[in-house]
Amino acid sequence: MTTITGLFIPCDGELPIEEVTLEGGDYRLIKGLIGGLFQVVEVPNHPASFFVDEEGMLKTLPVNNRGTLLLWELCFDMHVNLLILLGNVLVLGKPDAVGNTTSAPQDLIDEVLSR
């Protein structure tokens, strides 16, 4: 399996955003980080994907302000600012040609961690 990297953005704003490494296709780890079943929010015209709790609204999870603001920042010209992310967020890359999850863009990881 291929090792991929991404950004883990905890919902709790007191906890740091972390760079994480996982085996590509290890959906159990993604479920563990997110806290349950997940869905993917694709970013138009950007190579990032946001993994969020699929049942965030049903579980009444709190808003992930940092994850939401990052999504809005990447989609500023697309008027996607109606979408609000709930719970923990994992940012990875878009799937490759055969559907395997890829790493988040390293420049995005570096930029977010430098804030």
Protein backbone atom coordinates (compact mmCIF):
# COMPACT_ATOMS: atom_id res chain seq x y z
CA MET A 1 0.00 0.00 0.00
CA THR A 2 1.01 3.57 -0.59
CA THR A 3 1.56 5.96 2.30
CA ILE A 4 -0.38 9.21 2.03
CA THR A 5 -0.34 12.40 4.08
CA GLY A 6 -3.02 14.85 4.99
CA LEU A 7 -4.22 17.37 7.53
CA PHE A 8 -6.25 16.45 10.58
CA ILE A 9 -8.31 19.41 11.77
CA PRO A 10 -9.92 18.66 15.14
CA CYS A 11 -13.26 20.26 15.84
CA ASP A 12 -11.93 21.43 19.19
CA GLY A 13 -10.19 24.69 18.34
CA GLU A 14 -7.89 24.26 21.35
CA LEU A 15 -6.26 21.20 19.75
CA PRO A 16 -3.59 21.71 17.08
CA ILE A 17 -4.01 20.93 13.41
CA GLU A 18 -1.72 18.00 12.63
CA GLU A 19 -0.09 16.47 9.59
CA VAL A 20 -1.05 12.79 9.53
CA THR A 21 0.32 9.83 7.64
CA LEU A 22 -1.75 6.78 6.80
CA GLU A 23 -1.76 3.84 4.46
CA GLY A 24 -3.75 4.64 1.34
CA GLY A 25 -7.09 2.87 1.48
CA ASP A 26 -7.03 2.43 5.28
CA TYR A 27 -10.58 3.57 5.75
CA ARG A 28 -10.67 2.28 9.32
CA LEU A 29 -8.12 4.92 10.31
CA ILE A 30 -10.10 7.61 8.49
CA LYS A 31 -13.25 6.48 10.34
CA GLY A 32 -11.31 6.60 13.60
CA LEU A 33 -10.08 10.15 13.01
CA ILE A 34 -13.46 11.41 11.83
CA GLY A 35 -15.43 9.54 14.49
CA GLY A 36 -17.62 7.33 12.33
CA LEU A 37 -18.82 6.84 8.81
CA PHE A 38 -17.56 9.56 6.54
CA GLN A 39 -18.44 11.43 3.41
CA VAL A 40 -16.13 13.34 1.13
CA VAL A 41 -16.57 16.99 0.20
CA GLU A 42 -14.75 17.66 -3.06
CA VAL A 43 -13.20 21.08 -3.62
CA PRO A 44 -13.96 22.37 -7.13
CA ASN A 45 -10.83 23.23 -9.11
CA HIS A 46 -8.49 22.22 -6.28
CA PRO A 47 -6.71 18.92 -5.58
CA ALA A 48 -7.99 18.65 -1.99
CA SER A 49 -10.86 16.60 -0.56
CA PHE A 50 -12.40 17.09 2.89
CA PHE A 51 -13.47 13.96 4.80
CA VAL A 52 -16.20 14.65 7.37
CA ASP A 53 -18.59 12.67 9.57
CA GLU A 54 -21.48 11.52 7.39
CA GLU A 55 -23.90 11.82 10.29
CA GLY A 56 -22.59 15.10 11.68
CA MET A 57 -26.00 16.77 11.61
CA LEU A 58 -27.78 13.76 13.13
CA LYS A 59 -25.19 13.58 15.90
CA THR A 60 -25.44 17.38 16.35
CA LEU A 61 -21.67 17.71 16.10
CA PRO A 62 -20.27 21.21 16.58
CA VAL A 63 -19.10 23.34 13.67
CA ASN A 64 -15.46 22.86 12.74
CA ASN A 65 -14.60 26.53 12.26
CA ARG A 66 -11.05 25.98 11.03
CA GLY A 67 -12.05 23.26 8.56
CA THR A 68 -14.99 25.30 7.30
CA LEU A 69 -12.90 28.45 6.83
CA LEU A 70 -10.24 26.48 4.95
CA LEU A 71 -12.89 25.04 2.64
CA TRP A 72 -14.35 28.50 2.04
CA GLU A 73 -10.87 29.89 1.39
CA LEU A 74 -10.18 27.25 -1.26
CA CYS A 75 -13.60 27.77 -2.86
CA PHE A 76 -13.87 31.55 -2.47
CA ASP A 77 -14.73 32.25 -6.10
CA MET A 78 -17.14 29.29 -6.27
CA HIS A 79 -19.67 30.61 -3.71
CA VAL A 80 -19.47 27.40 -1.68
CA ASN A 81 -19.63 29.34 1.58
CA LEU A 82 -23.04 27.88 2.32
CA LEU A 83 -21.44 24.58 3.33
CA ILE A 84 -20.49 24.22 6.99
CA LEU A 85 -18.34 21.30 8.17
CA LEU A 86 -19.27 19.56 11.42
CA GLY A 87 -17.00 17.50 13.66
CA ASN A 88 -13.42 16.50 12.92
CA VAL A 89 -12.11 17.07 9.39
CA LEU A 90 -9.43 15.19 7.47
CA VAL A 91 -8.03 16.85 4.36
CA LEU A 92 -6.57 14.49 1.76
CA GLY A 93 -6.10 14.65 -2.00
CA LYS A 94 -8.47 13.81 -4.81
CA PRO A 95 -8.67 10.17 -5.94
CA ASP A 96 -6.23 9.04 -8.62
CA ALA A 97 -7.27 7.56 -11.98
CA VAL A 98 -8.22 4.22 -10.39
CA GLY A 99 -10.03 5.71 -7.40
CA ASN A 100 -7.32 5.47 -4.72
CA THR A 101 -7.17 8.28 -2.19
CA THR A 102 -4.06 10.44 -2.60
CA SER A 103 -2.12 12.81 -0.35
CA ALA A 104 -3.24 16.35 0.29
CA PRO A 105 -1.13 18.84 -1.68
CA GLN A 106 2.08 19.41 0.29
CA ASP A 107 1.97 23.16 -0.31
CA LEU A 108 -1.50 23.25 1.30
CA ILE A 109 -0.26 21.22 4.29
CA ASP A 110 2.77 23.50 4.72
CA GLU A 111 0.70 26.67 4.39
CA VAL A 112 -1.93 25.61 6.93
CA LEU A 113 0.64 24.38 9.46
CA SER A 114 2.58 27.65 9.21
CA ARG A 115 -0.43 29.72 10.38
